[in-house]
Amino acid sequence: MEGWVNKGYSEGMKHAELIVLVNFDGDPIGTAEKLASHHGSTPLHLGFSCFVFNRRGELLITQRALVKKVWPGVWTNSVCGHPGPNEPVEDAIRRRLDHELGMGASDLECALPDYRYQTPPFRGIVENEICPVYLGRTSDEPSPNREEVAAYQWMSWKGFLAAIKNDRGRYSYWCIDEAMLLSRYPLLQEYSEPARSYQEAPPTFRNDENEPK
């Protein structure tokens, strides 16, 4: 159901947010506080990543807020995060979309169920996740939470691939890696093309000095 949010866990985000620690096989072995767990030797834990497309077939990319501890200021895919203890991944995606961008999503499809990655250090922080990658659709326009998202932009998939190729340092490690893998995923073309019912409308413009050129 579009826009559904796990209100119980969302309320918990006002306090300490827990992540799920896992072993190499992905089996849960405990929980830990999110921010305290991200450092130069971040333990392996569960995450998720989602690429959200609008009815024009454009991908939503976001710039992480400068106040964030992990990878501040970099551009990345639509939404990333961590499922809480016993929280289904799709519920976690909807929760973070609502919290970060004030929007919902439908047609969530797990494209890369076994994806995992470990980043090189960025300002002393390493990400280390088993991170299923999803595709999704939305009819919403973002209303960013400025503690999470500094800016956003809609881009064609081809334009996004060209951007991450030409300026890799501007984008998150994981979104570049995931995009390369998603390019071989059969359903991607369906998400990145205009919906059949979409009627072309005049383009909208946003005055945002942070948008990538």
N, C-alpha and C. Protein backbone atom coordinates (compact mmCIF):
# COMPACT_ATOMS: atom_id res chain seq x y z
N MET A 1 0.85 -1.19 0.00
CA MET A 1 0.00 0.00 0.00
C MET A 1 0.88 1.24 0.00
N GLU A 2 0.65 2.13 -0.94
CA GLU A 2 1.50 3.30 -1.10
C GLU A 2 1.43 4.20 0.12
N GLY A 3 2.60 4.64 0.58
CA GLY A 3 2.67 5.61 1.67
C GLY A 3 2.59 5.00 3.06
N TRP A 4 2.49 3.64 3.16
CA TRP A 4 2.40 3.03 4.48
C TRP A 4 3.70 3.22 5.24
N VAL A 5 3.59 3.55 6.52
CA VAL A 5 4.78 3.76 7.35
C VAL A 5 4.61 2.99 8.65
N ASN A 6 5.66 2.32 9.09
CA ASN A 6 5.65 1.62 10.36
C ASN A 6 5.74 2.66 11.47
N LYS A 7 4.58 3.12 11.95
CA LYS A 7 4.55 4.22 12.90
C LYS A 7 5.24 3.87 14.21
N GLY A 8 5.12 2.60 14.62
CA GLY A 8 5.74 2.23 15.89
C GLY A 8 7.24 2.39 15.85
N TYR A 9 7.86 1.86 14.78
CA TYR A 9 9.31 1.99 14.69
C TYR A 9 9.70 3.42 14.38
N SER A 10 8.88 4.14 13.59
CA SER A 10 9.16 5.53 13.27
C SER A 10 9.23 6.37 14.53
N GLU A 11 8.33 6.11 15.48
CA GLU A 11 8.38 6.83 16.75
C GLU A 11 9.68 6.57 17.47
N GLY A 12 10.21 5.32 17.33
CA GLY A 12 11.46 4.99 18.00
C GLY A 12 12.64 5.75 17.45
N MET A 13 12.54 6.28 16.22
CA MET A 13 13.66 7.02 15.64
C MET A 13 13.91 8.32 16.38
N LYS A 14 12.93 8.78 17.16
CA LYS A 14 13.14 9.98 17.93
C LYS A 14 14.16 9.74 19.04
N HIS A 15 14.39 8.46 19.34
CA HIS A 15 15.36 8.09 20.36
C HIS A 15 16.51 7.37 19.66
N ALA A 16 17.09 6.37 20.29
CA ALA A 16 18.19 5.64 19.67
C ALA A 16 17.65 4.72 18.59
N GLU A 17 18.20 4.82 17.38
CA GLU A 17 17.79 3.93 16.30
C GLU A 17 18.72 2.74 16.26
N LEU A 18 18.14 1.54 16.27
CA LEU A 18 18.93 0.33 16.30
C LEU A 18 19.11 -0.24 14.90
N ILE A 19 20.28 -0.80 14.65
CA ILE A 19 20.53 -1.57 13.44
C ILE A 19 20.70 -3.03 13.81
N VAL A 20 20.56 -3.91 12.81
CA VAL A 20 20.65 -5.34 13.04
C VAL A 20 22.03 -5.84 12.61
N LEU A 21 22.81 -6.33 13.54
CA LEU A 21 24.12 -6.90 13.25
C LEU A 21 23.95 -8.32 12.73
N VAL A 22 24.78 -8.71 11.76
CA VAL A 22 24.66 -10.04 11.15
C VAL A 22 26.04 -10.67 11.00
N ASN A 23 26.04 -12.00 10.83
CA ASN A 23 27.29 -12.69 10.53
C ASN A 23 27.48 -12.72 9.01
N PHE A 24 28.52 -13.38 8.55
CA PHE A 24 28.85 -13.38 7.12
C PHE A 24 27.71 -13.96 6.28
N ASP A 25 26.96 -14.91 6.84
CA ASP A 25 25.86 -15.54 6.12
C ASP A 25 24.58 -14.73 6.17
N GLY A 26 24.60 -13.59 6.85
CA GLY A 26 23.42 -12.74 6.94
C GLY A 26 22.48 -13.07 8.08
N ASP A 27 22.89 -13.96 8.98
CA ASP A 27 22.05 -14.31 10.12
C ASP A 27 22.17 -13.25 11.21
N PRO A 28 21.05 -12.76 11.76
CA PRO A 28 21.13 -11.76 12.83
C PRO A 28 21.87 -12.30 14.06
N ILE A 29 22.74 -11.48 14.61
CA ILE A 29 23.49 -11.88 15.80
C ILE A 29 23.35 -10.85 16.93
N GLY A 30 22.57 -9.80 16.70
CA GLY A 30 22.40 -8.79 17.75
C GLY A 30 21.97 -7.46 17.16
N THR A 31 21.90 -6.47 18.00
CA THR A 31 21.56 -5.11 17.57
C THR A 31 22.57 -4.13 18.16
N ALA A 32 22.60 -2.94 17.59
CA ALA A 32 23.50 -1.90 18.08
C ALA A 32 22.91 -0.54 17.69
N GLU A 33 23.30 0.50 18.42
CA GLU A 33 22.83 1.84 18.11
C GLU A 33 23.48 2.30 16.80
N LYS A 34 22.68 2.90 15.93
CA LYS A 34 23.13 3.17 14.56
C LYS A 34 24.36 4.07 14.50
N LEU A 35 24.29 5.26 15.05
CA LEU A 35 25.38 6.21 14.89
C LEU A 35 26.65 5.73 15.58
N ALA A 36 26.51 5.15 16.77
CA ALA A 36 27.69 4.69 17.50
C ALA A 36 28.38 3.53 16.78
N SER A 37 27.64 2.82 15.93
CA SER A 37 28.19 1.65 15.25
C SER A 37 28.96 1.99 13.98
N HIS A 38 28.79 3.21 13.48
CA HIS A 38 29.46 3.59 12.24
C HIS A 38 30.75 4.35 12.55
N HIS A 39 31.87 3.71 12.21
CA HIS A 39 33.20 4.25 12.51
C HIS A 39 34.19 3.59 11.56
N GLY A 40 35.44 3.60 11.89
CA GLY A 40 36.45 3.05 11.00
C GLY A 40 36.43 1.54 10.88
N SER A 41 35.75 0.87 11.84
CA SER A 41 35.64 -0.60 11.80
C SER A 41 34.18 -1.01 11.97
N THR A 42 33.31 -0.40 11.19
CA THR A 42 31.87 -0.66 11.30
C THR A 42 31.57 -2.15 11.15
N PRO A 43 30.83 -2.74 12.10
CA PRO A 43 30.50 -4.16 11.98
C PRO A 43 29.50 -4.41 10.85
N LEU A 44 29.49 -5.63 10.32
CA LEU A 44 28.56 -6.01 9.27
C LEU A 44 27.13 -5.95 9.80
N HIS A 45 26.25 -5.31 9.03
CA HIS A 45 24.87 -5.14 9.49
C HIS A 45 23.94 -5.09 8.28
N LEU A 46 22.64 -5.10 8.55
CA LEU A 46 21.65 -5.06 7.48
C LEU A 46 21.37 -3.63 7.06
N GLY A 47 21.24 -3.42 5.77
CA GLY A 47 20.83 -2.14 5.22
C GLY A 47 19.85 -2.37 4.09
N PHE A 48 19.52 -1.31 3.39
CA PHE A 48 18.75 -1.40 2.15
C PHE A 48 19.08 -0.18 1.31
N SER A 49 18.80 -0.26 0.03
CA SER A 49 19.00 0.85 -0.89
C SER A 49 17.86 0.81 -1.89
N CYS A 50 17.31 1.98 -2.26
CA CYS A 50 16.17 2.00 -3.16
C CYS A 50 16.33 3.11 -4.20
N PHE A 51 16.03 2.77 -5.44
CA PHE A 51 16.05 3.70 -6.56
C PHE A 51 14.59 3.94 -6.96
N VAL A 52 14.11 5.16 -6.76
CA VAL A 52 12.70 5.49 -6.97
C VAL A 52 12.56 6.31 -8.26
N PHE A 53 11.61 5.91 -9.10
CA PHE A 53 11.35 6.56 -10.38
C PHE A 53 9.96 7.20 -10.37
N ASN A 54 9.83 8.33 -11.06
CA ASN A 54 8.52 8.96 -11.18
C ASN A 54 7.81 8.46 -12.45
N ARG A 55 6.64 9.03 -12.73
CA ARG A 55 5.84 8.54 -13.86
C ARG A 55 6.45 8.92 -15.21
N ARG A 56 7.39 9.86 -15.20
CA ARG A 56 8.12 10.18 -16.43
C ARG A 56 9.29 9.22 -16.67
N GLY A 57 9.53 8.32 -15.71
CA GLY A 57 10.66 7.40 -15.83
C GLY A 57 11.96 7.99 -15.33
N GLU A 58 11.88 9.10 -14.60
CA GLU A 58 13.09 9.76 -14.08
C GLU A 58 13.44 9.21 -12.70
N LEU A 59 14.72 9.10 -12.44
CA LEU A 59 15.23 8.64 -11.15
C LEU A 59 15.39 9.80 -10.19
N LEU A 60 14.98 9.59 -8.94
CA LEU A 60 15.20 10.58 -7.89
C LEU A 60 16.57 10.34 -7.27
N ILE A 61 17.45 11.36 -7.34
CA ILE A 61 18.71 11.30 -6.61
C ILE A 61 18.68 12.37 -5.53
N THR A 62 19.42 12.14 -4.46
CA THR A 62 19.40 13.04 -3.31
C THR A 62 20.82 13.37 -2.85
N GLN A 63 20.97 14.54 -2.27
CA GLN A 63 22.24 14.92 -1.66
C GLN A 63 22.11 14.77 -0.15
N ARG A 64 22.97 13.98 0.45
CA ARG A 64 22.91 13.75 1.89
C ARG A 64 23.23 15.04 2.64
N ALA A 65 22.48 15.30 3.70
CA ALA A 65 22.65 16.53 4.46
C ALA A 65 24.07 16.65 5.00
N LEU A 66 24.55 17.88 5.09
CA LEU A 66 25.91 18.12 5.56
C LEU A 66 26.09 17.77 7.04
N VAL A 67 24.99 17.69 7.77
CA VAL A 67 25.08 17.38 9.21
C VAL A 67 25.13 15.89 9.48
N LYS A 68 24.96 15.06 8.46
CA LYS A 68 24.98 13.61 8.67
C LYS A 68 26.38 13.12 8.99
N LYS A 69 26.46 12.11 9.86
CA LYS A 69 27.75 11.55 10.25
C LYS A 69 28.38 10.73 9.13
N VAL A 70 27.54 9.98 8.41
CA VAL A 70 28.02 9.05 7.40
C VAL A 70 27.86 9.66 6.00
N TRP A 71 28.96 9.85 5.30
CA TRP A 71 28.99 10.37 3.93
C TRP A 71 28.19 11.67 3.79
N PRO A 72 28.49 12.68 4.57
CA PRO A 72 27.75 13.94 4.46
C PRO A 72 28.04 14.65 3.14
N GLY A 73 26.99 15.27 2.57
CA GLY A 73 27.16 16.12 1.40
C GLY A 73 27.27 15.42 0.06
N VAL A 74 27.38 14.09 0.04
CA VAL A 74 27.51 13.41 -1.24
C VAL A 74 26.14 13.17 -1.85
N TRP A 75 26.10 13.08 -3.18
CA TRP A 75 24.89 12.71 -3.88
C TRP A 75 24.78 11.19 -3.93
N THR A 76 23.55 10.69 -3.88
CA THR A 76 23.34 9.25 -3.84
C THR A 76 22.00 8.93 -4.46
N ASN A 77 21.60 7.66 -4.40
CA ASN A 77 20.31 7.27 -4.94
C ASN A 77 19.18 7.74 -4.02
N SER A 78 17.95 7.35 -4.32
CA SER A 78 16.78 7.98 -3.72
C SER A 78 16.75 7.89 -2.19
N VAL A 79 16.93 6.69 -1.66
CA VAL A 79 16.88 6.52 -0.21
C VAL A 79 17.68 5.28 0.17
N CYS A 80 18.37 5.38 1.29
CA CYS A 80 19.13 4.26 1.86
C CYS A 80 18.84 4.24 3.36
N GLY A 81 19.06 3.11 3.99
CA GLY A 81 18.83 3.06 5.43
C GLY A 81 19.01 1.66 5.97
N HIS A 82 18.42 1.44 7.14
CA HIS A 82 18.59 0.18 7.86
C HIS A 82 17.24 -0.30 8.38
N PRO A 83 16.87 -1.54 8.11
CA PRO A 83 15.67 -2.07 8.76
C PRO A 83 15.94 -2.24 10.25
N GLY A 84 14.93 -1.93 11.06
CA GLY A 84 15.06 -2.15 12.49
C GLY A 84 14.86 -3.61 12.85
N PRO A 85 15.05 -3.97 14.11
CA PRO A 85 14.83 -5.35 14.54
C PRO A 85 13.42 -5.83 14.17
N ASN A 86 13.35 -6.96 13.48
CA ASN A 86 12.08 -7.58 13.08
C ASN A 86 11.25 -6.71 12.14
N GLU A 87 11.85 -5.74 11.48
CA GLU A 87 11.13 -4.87 10.56
C GLU A 87 11.34 -5.36 9.13
N PRO A 88 10.28 -5.67 8.38
CA PRO A 88 10.44 -6.04 6.97
C PRO A 88 11.12 -4.92 6.18
N VAL A 89 11.94 -5.30 5.21
CA VAL A 89 12.71 -4.30 4.47
C VAL A 89 11.80 -3.32 3.75
N GLU A 90 10.72 -3.79 3.13
CA GLU A 90 9.84 -2.87 2.41
C GLU A 90 9.20 -1.86 3.36
N ASP A 91 8.89 -2.27 4.58
CA ASP A 91 8.37 -1.33 5.57
C ASP A 91 9.43 -0.28 5.93
N ALA A 92 10.69 -0.72 6.03
CA ALA A 92 11.77 0.21 6.35
C ALA A 92 11.97 1.22 5.22
N ILE A 93 11.85 0.78 3.97
CA ILE A 93 11.98 1.70 2.84
C ILE A 93 10.91 2.78 2.92
N ARG A 94 9.67 2.38 3.13
CA ARG A 94 8.58 3.35 3.22
C ARG A 94 8.76 4.28 4.42
N ARG A 95 9.24 3.74 5.52
CA ARG A 95 9.48 4.57 6.71
C ARG A 95 10.51 5.64 6.42
N ARG A 96 11.62 5.27 5.77
CA ARG A 96 12.67 6.25 5.52
C ARG A 96 12.27 7.25 4.42
N LEU A 97 11.54 6.79 3.42
CA LEU A 97 11.04 7.74 2.41
C LEU A 97 10.15 8.79 3.05
N ASP A 98 9.29 8.36 3.95
CA ASP A 98 8.41 9.30 4.64
C ASP A 98 9.22 10.24 5.53
N HIS A 99 10.19 9.70 6.26
CA HIS A 99 10.97 10.51 7.20
C HIS A 99 11.91 11.48 6.49
N GLU A 100 12.59 11.01 5.44
CA GLU A 100 13.59 11.83 4.77
C GLU A 100 13.01 12.76 3.72
N LEU A 101 11.96 12.29 3.03
CA LEU A 101 11.49 13.00 1.84
C LEU A 101 10.00 13.30 1.83
N GLY A 102 9.29 12.87 2.87
CA GLY A 102 7.86 13.16 2.96
C GLY A 102 7.07 12.59 1.79
N MET A 103 7.44 11.40 1.33
CA MET A 103 6.81 10.83 0.15
C MET A 103 6.62 9.33 0.33
N GLY A 104 5.79 8.75 -0.53
CA GLY A 104 5.58 7.32 -0.51
C GLY A 104 6.11 6.67 -1.77
N ALA A 105 5.94 5.36 -1.87
CA ALA A 105 6.38 4.61 -3.05
C ALA A 105 5.51 3.39 -3.21
N SER A 106 5.38 2.95 -4.44
CA SER A 106 4.64 1.72 -4.75
C SER A 106 5.51 0.86 -5.65
N ASP A 107 5.01 -0.32 -5.98
CA ASP A 107 5.69 -1.25 -6.90
C ASP A 107 7.14 -1.50 -6.49
N LEU A 108 7.36 -1.70 -5.18
CA LEU A 108 8.71 -2.00 -4.72
C LEU A 108 9.12 -3.40 -5.20
N GLU A 109 10.27 -3.46 -5.83
CA GLU A 109 10.77 -4.70 -6.42
C GLU A 109 12.22 -4.89 -6.00
N CYS A 110 12.52 -6.03 -5.38
CA CYS A 110 13.90 -6.30 -4.96
C CYS A 110 14.69 -6.79 -6.17
N ALA A 111 15.58 -5.95 -6.66
CA ALA A 111 16.34 -6.26 -7.86
C ALA A 111 17.65 -6.99 -7.56
N LEU A 112 18.27 -6.66 -6.44
CA LEU A 112 19.56 -7.25 -6.07
C LEU A 112 19.46 -7.76 -4.64
N PRO A 113 18.85 -8.94 -4.44
CA PRO A 113 18.60 -9.41 -3.06
C PRO A 113 19.85 -9.77 -2.27
N ASP A 114 20.94 -10.11 -2.95
CA ASP A 114 22.15 -10.59 -2.26
C ASP A 114 23.29 -9.58 -2.27
N TYR A 115 22.98 -8.33 -2.60
CA TYR A 115 24.05 -7.33 -2.69
C TYR A 115 24.65 -7.05 -1.31
N ARG A 116 25.97 -6.95 -1.28
CA ARG A 116 26.69 -6.54 -0.06
C ARG A 116 27.89 -5.70 -0.48
N TYR A 117 28.34 -4.86 0.41
CA TYR A 117 29.48 -4.00 0.07
C TYR A 117 30.16 -3.51 1.35
N GLN A 118 31.40 -3.11 1.19
CA GLN A 118 32.15 -2.43 2.25
C GLN A 118 32.90 -1.29 1.59
N THR A 119 32.68 -0.09 2.07
CA THR A 119 33.29 1.09 1.45
C THR A 119 34.70 1.31 1.97
N PRO A 120 35.52 2.02 1.21
CA PRO A 120 36.74 2.59 1.78
C PRO A 120 36.35 3.69 2.76
N PRO A 121 37.24 4.08 3.66
CA PRO A 121 36.89 5.13 4.63
C PRO A 121 36.56 6.44 3.94
N PHE A 122 35.52 7.11 4.43
CA PHE A 122 35.16 8.45 3.98
C PHE A 122 35.06 9.31 5.24
N ARG A 123 36.03 10.22 5.41
CA ARG A 123 36.12 11.03 6.63
C ARG A 123 36.14 10.15 7.87
N GLY A 124 36.83 9.02 7.75
CA GLY A 124 37.02 8.12 8.88
C GLY A 124 35.91 7.11 9.09
N ILE A 125 34.86 7.13 8.26
CA ILE A 125 33.71 6.24 8.44
C ILE A 125 33.68 5.20 7.33
N VAL A 126 33.44 3.94 7.70
CA VAL A 126 33.29 2.84 6.76
C VAL A 126 31.86 2.34 6.83
N GLU A 127 31.25 2.08 5.65
CA GLU A 127 29.98 1.38 5.63
C GLU A 127 30.25 -0.09 5.30
N ASN A 128 29.47 -0.99 5.92
CA ASN A 128 29.72 -2.43 5.80
C ASN A 128 28.38 -3.14 5.94
N GLU A 129 27.74 -3.42 4.79
CA GLU A 129 26.35 -3.86 4.82
C GLU A 129 26.05 -5.04 3.92
N ILE A 130 25.12 -5.87 4.35
CA ILE A 130 24.34 -6.71 3.47
C ILE A 130 23.11 -5.88 3.14
N CYS A 131 22.93 -5.57 1.86
CA CYS A 131 22.08 -4.44 1.48
C CYS A 131 21.25 -4.76 0.23
N PRO A 132 20.09 -5.40 0.38
CA PRO A 132 19.25 -5.63 -0.81
C PRO A 132 18.88 -4.31 -1.47
N VAL A 133 18.87 -4.32 -2.81
CA VAL A 133 18.62 -3.10 -3.58
C VAL A 133 17.26 -3.22 -4.27
N TYR A 134 16.44 -2.18 -4.09
CA TYR A 134 15.07 -2.17 -4.59
C TYR A 134 14.87 -1.11 -5.66
N LEU A 135 13.90 -1.35 -6.53
CA LEU A 135 13.34 -0.34 -7.41
C LEU A 135 11.95 0.01 -6.90
N GLY A 136 11.52 1.26 -7.14
CA GLY A 136 10.18 1.66 -6.73
C GLY A 136 9.66 2.77 -7.62
N ARG A 137 8.37 3.05 -7.50
CA ARG A 137 7.73 4.12 -8.25
C ARG A 137 7.02 5.07 -7.29
N THR A 138 6.86 6.31 -7.74
CA THR A 138 6.12 7.28 -6.94
C THR A 138 5.41 8.27 -7.85
N SER A 139 4.33 8.83 -7.34
CA SER A 139 3.66 9.95 -7.99
C SER A 139 3.87 11.23 -7.17
N ASP A 140 4.65 11.13 -6.10
CA ASP A 140 4.85 12.24 -5.18
C ASP A 140 6.05 13.09 -5.59
N GLU A 141 6.03 14.35 -5.15
CA GLU A 141 7.19 15.23 -5.25
C GLU A 141 7.80 15.32 -3.85
N PRO A 142 9.12 15.19 -3.72
CA PRO A 142 9.73 15.21 -2.39
C PRO A 142 9.50 16.51 -1.63
N SER A 143 9.42 16.38 -0.32
CA SER A 143 9.42 17.51 0.61
C SER A 143 10.49 17.20 1.65
N PRO A 144 11.75 17.54 1.36
CA PRO A 144 12.88 17.01 2.14
C PRO A 144 12.91 17.46 3.60
N ASN A 145 13.31 16.52 4.45
CA ASN A 145 13.69 16.79 5.83
C ASN A 145 15.14 17.27 5.77
N ARG A 146 15.39 18.54 6.09
CA ARG A 146 16.72 19.12 5.87
C ARG A 146 17.79 18.55 6.80
N GLU A 147 17.40 17.81 7.83
CA GLU A 147 18.39 17.11 8.63
C GLU A 147 18.89 15.85 7.94
N GLU A 148 18.20 15.45 6.88
CA GLU A 148 18.55 14.23 6.15
C GLU A 148 18.99 14.50 4.72
N VAL A 149 18.30 15.42 4.04
CA VAL A 149 18.50 15.64 2.61
C VAL A 149 18.71 17.12 2.33
N ALA A 150 19.85 17.45 1.71
CA ALA A 150 20.17 18.86 1.41
C ALA A 150 19.53 19.32 0.11
N ALA A 151 19.39 18.40 -0.86
CA ALA A 151 18.86 18.76 -2.17
C ALA A 151 18.46 17.48 -2.89
N TYR A 152 17.70 17.64 -3.97
CA TYR A 152 17.31 16.48 -4.77
C TYR A 152 17.18 16.88 -6.22
N GLN A 153 17.16 15.87 -7.08
CA GLN A 153 17.00 16.12 -8.51
C GLN A 153 16.43 14.88 -9.18
N TRP A 154 15.58 15.08 -10.16
CA TRP A 154 15.10 14.00 -11.02
C TRP A 154 16.00 13.93 -12.26
N MET A 155 16.44 12.73 -12.63
CA MET A 155 17.32 12.55 -13.77
C MET A 155 16.90 11.33 -14.58
N SER A 156 17.16 11.36 -15.88
CA SER A 156 16.99 10.15 -16.67
C SER A 156 18.03 9.13 -16.24
N TRP A 157 17.76 7.85 -16.44
CA TRP A 157 18.72 6.82 -16.07
C TRP A 157 20.02 6.99 -16.85
N LYS A 158 19.92 7.28 -18.14
CA LYS A 158 21.14 7.47 -18.93
C LYS A 158 21.92 8.69 -18.44
N GLY A 159 21.21 9.74 -18.06
CA GLY A 159 21.88 10.92 -17.53
C GLY A 159 22.58 10.63 -16.22
N PHE A 160 21.94 9.82 -15.39
CA PHE A 160 22.54 9.43 -14.11
C PHE A 160 23.81 8.61 -14.32
N LEU A 161 23.76 7.65 -15.23
CA LEU A 161 24.95 6.84 -15.50
C LEU A 161 26.09 7.70 -16.03
N ALA A 162 25.76 8.68 -16.88
CA ALA A 162 26.80 9.57 -17.39
C ALA A 162 27.38 10.42 -16.27
N ALA A 163 26.53 10.87 -15.34
CA ALA A 163 27.00 11.72 -14.25
C ALA A 163 27.94 10.97 -13.32
N ILE A 164 27.60 9.73 -12.95
CA ILE A 164 28.47 9.00 -12.02
C ILE A 164 29.76 8.56 -12.71
N LYS A 165 29.72 8.42 -14.02
CA LYS A 165 30.95 8.09 -14.75
C LYS A 165 31.89 9.29 -14.83
N ASN A 166 31.32 10.47 -15.02
CA ASN A 166 32.13 11.67 -15.23
C ASN A 166 32.63 12.31 -13.94
N ASP A 167 31.96 12.05 -12.82
CA ASP A 167 32.35 12.69 -11.56
C ASP A 167 32.09 11.73 -10.40
N ARG A 168 32.86 10.66 -10.34
CA ARG A 168 32.63 9.60 -9.35
C ARG A 168 32.76 10.11 -7.92
N GLY A 169 33.60 11.10 -7.70
CA GLY A 169 33.82 11.60 -6.34
C GLY A 169 32.63 12.34 -5.77
N ARG A 170 31.68 12.70 -6.61
CA ARG A 170 30.51 13.44 -6.14
C ARG A 170 29.42 12.53 -5.58
N TYR A 171 29.52 11.22 -5.89
CA TYR A 171 28.44 10.28 -5.58
C TYR A 171 28.93 9.22 -4.59
N SER A 172 27.95 8.63 -3.89
CA SER A 172 28.31 7.62 -2.88
C SER A 172 28.86 6.36 -3.54
N TYR A 173 29.75 5.72 -2.83
CA TYR A 173 30.36 4.48 -3.30
C TYR A 173 29.30 3.46 -3.67
N TRP A 174 28.32 3.29 -2.77
CA TRP A 174 27.34 2.23 -2.97
C TRP A 174 26.41 2.51 -4.15
N CYS A 175 26.02 3.77 -4.36
CA CYS A 175 25.07 4.01 -5.45
C CYS A 175 25.75 3.81 -6.81
N ILE A 176 27.04 4.10 -6.91
CA ILE A 176 27.76 3.85 -8.16
C ILE A 176 27.83 2.35 -8.43
N ASP A 177 28.20 1.59 -7.41
CA ASP A 177 28.33 0.14 -7.55
C ASP A 177 26.97 -0.49 -7.87
N GLU A 178 25.94 -0.07 -7.17
CA GLU A 178 24.59 -0.61 -7.39
C GLU A 178 24.08 -0.27 -8.79
N ALA A 179 24.35 0.96 -9.24
CA ALA A 179 23.87 1.38 -10.56
C ALA A 179 24.47 0.51 -11.66
N MET A 180 25.73 0.17 -11.54
CA MET A 180 26.36 -0.67 -12.55
C MET A 180 25.69 -2.05 -12.60
N LEU A 181 25.36 -2.59 -11.44
CA LEU A 181 24.70 -3.89 -11.39
C LEU A 181 23.25 -3.80 -11.87
N LEU A 182 22.55 -2.73 -11.50
CA LEU A 182 21.16 -2.57 -11.91
C LEU A 182 21.02 -2.41 -13.43
N SER A 183 22.04 -1.88 -14.07
CA SER A 183 21.98 -1.69 -15.52
C SER A 183 21.79 -3.00 -16.27
N ARG A 184 22.11 -4.12 -15.61
CA ARG A 184 21.94 -5.43 -16.22
C ARG A 184 20.64 -6.12 -15.78
N TYR A 185 19.84 -5.41 -14.96
CA TYR A 185 18.61 -6.00 -14.43
C TYR A 185 17.47 -5.81 -15.43
N PRO A 186 16.79 -6.89 -15.85
CA PRO A 186 15.80 -6.78 -16.93
C PRO A 186 14.67 -5.78 -16.68
N LEU A 187 14.18 -5.67 -15.43
CA LEU A 187 13.04 -4.81 -15.16
C LEU A 187 13.39 -3.33 -15.12
N LEU A 188 14.67 -3.00 -15.10
CA LEU A 188 15.05 -1.59 -14.98
C LEU A 188 14.45 -0.75 -16.10
N GLN A 189 14.43 -1.27 -17.31
CA GLN A 189 13.90 -0.50 -18.44
C GLN A 189 12.44 -0.13 -18.21
N GLU A 190 11.68 -1.05 -17.60
CA GLU A 190 10.27 -0.77 -17.33
C GLU A 190 10.11 0.39 -16.35
N TYR A 191 10.96 0.45 -15.34
CA TYR A 191 10.88 1.52 -14.35
C TYR A 191 11.39 2.84 -14.90
N SER A 192 12.37 2.80 -15.78
CA SER A 192 13.03 4.02 -16.25
C SER A 192 12.42 4.58 -17.54
N GLU A 193 11.29 4.03 -17.98
CA GLU A 193 10.55 4.59 -19.09
C GLU A 193 9.27 5.23 -18.59
N PRO A 194 8.72 6.23 -19.29
CA PRO A 194 7.47 6.86 -18.85
C PRO A 194 6.35 5.85 -18.73
N ALA A 195 5.53 6.02 -17.68
CA ALA A 195 4.37 5.15 -17.51
C ALA A 195 3.42 5.32 -18.69
N ARG A 196 2.72 4.26 -19.06
CA ARG A 196 1.83 4.31 -20.22
C ARG A 196 0.76 5.38 -20.08
N SER A 197 0.30 5.60 -18.85
CA SER A 197 -0.78 6.57 -18.64
C SER A 197 -0.28 7.99 -18.47
N TYR A 198 1.07 8.16 -18.52
CA TYR A 198 1.62 9.50 -18.27
C TYR A 198 1.34 10.43 -19.45
N GLN A 199 0.81 11.59 -19.16
CA GLN A 199 0.58 12.62 -20.17
C GLN A 199 1.63 13.71 -19.99
N GLU A 200 2.36 14.00 -21.03
CA GLU A 200 3.45 14.97 -20.94
C GLU A 200 2.95 16.30 -20.42
N ALA A 201 3.65 16.83 -19.43
CA ALA A 201 3.31 18.12 -18.84
C ALA A 201 4.51 19.04 -18.95
N PRO A 202 4.32 20.36 -18.84
CA PRO A 202 5.46 21.28 -18.87
C PRO A 202 6.45 20.94 -17.76
N PRO A 203 7.74 21.05 -17.99
CA PRO A 203 8.73 20.74 -16.96
C PRO A 203 8.66 21.72 -15.81
N THR A 204 9.02 21.22 -14.63
CA THR A 204 9.10 22.09 -13.45
C THR A 204 10.56 22.41 -13.20
N PHE A 205 10.79 23.59 -12.63
CA PHE A 205 12.15 24.03 -12.37
C PHE A 205 12.29 24.35 -10.89
N ARG A 206 13.45 24.01 -10.34
CA ARG A 206 13.74 24.31 -8.94
C ARG A 206 15.03 25.13 -8.88
N ASN A 207 15.01 26.17 -8.10
CA ASN A 207 16.20 27.00 -7.91
C ASN A 207 17.03 26.40 -6.80
N ASP A 208 17.99 25.57 -7.16
CA ASP A 208 18.79 24.85 -6.15
C ASP A 208 20.24 24.90 -6.57
N GLU A 209 21.03 25.66 -5.86
CA GLU A 209 22.43 25.86 -6.22
C GLU A 209 23.24 24.58 -6.05
N ASN A 210 22.69 23.59 -5.29
CA ASN A 210 23.44 22.38 -5.02
C ASN A 210 23.25 21.32 -6.08
N GLU A 211 22.36 21.56 -7.07
CA GLU A 211 22.10 20.51 -8.06
C GLU A 211 23.36 20.20 -8.87
N PRO A 212 23.59 18.90 -9.14
CA PRO A 212 24.74 18.55 -9.97
C PRO A 212 24.53 19.02 -11.39
N LYS A 213 25.58 19.45 -12.02
CA LYS A 213 25.49 19.96 -13.39
C LYS A 213 25.82 18.83 -14.38
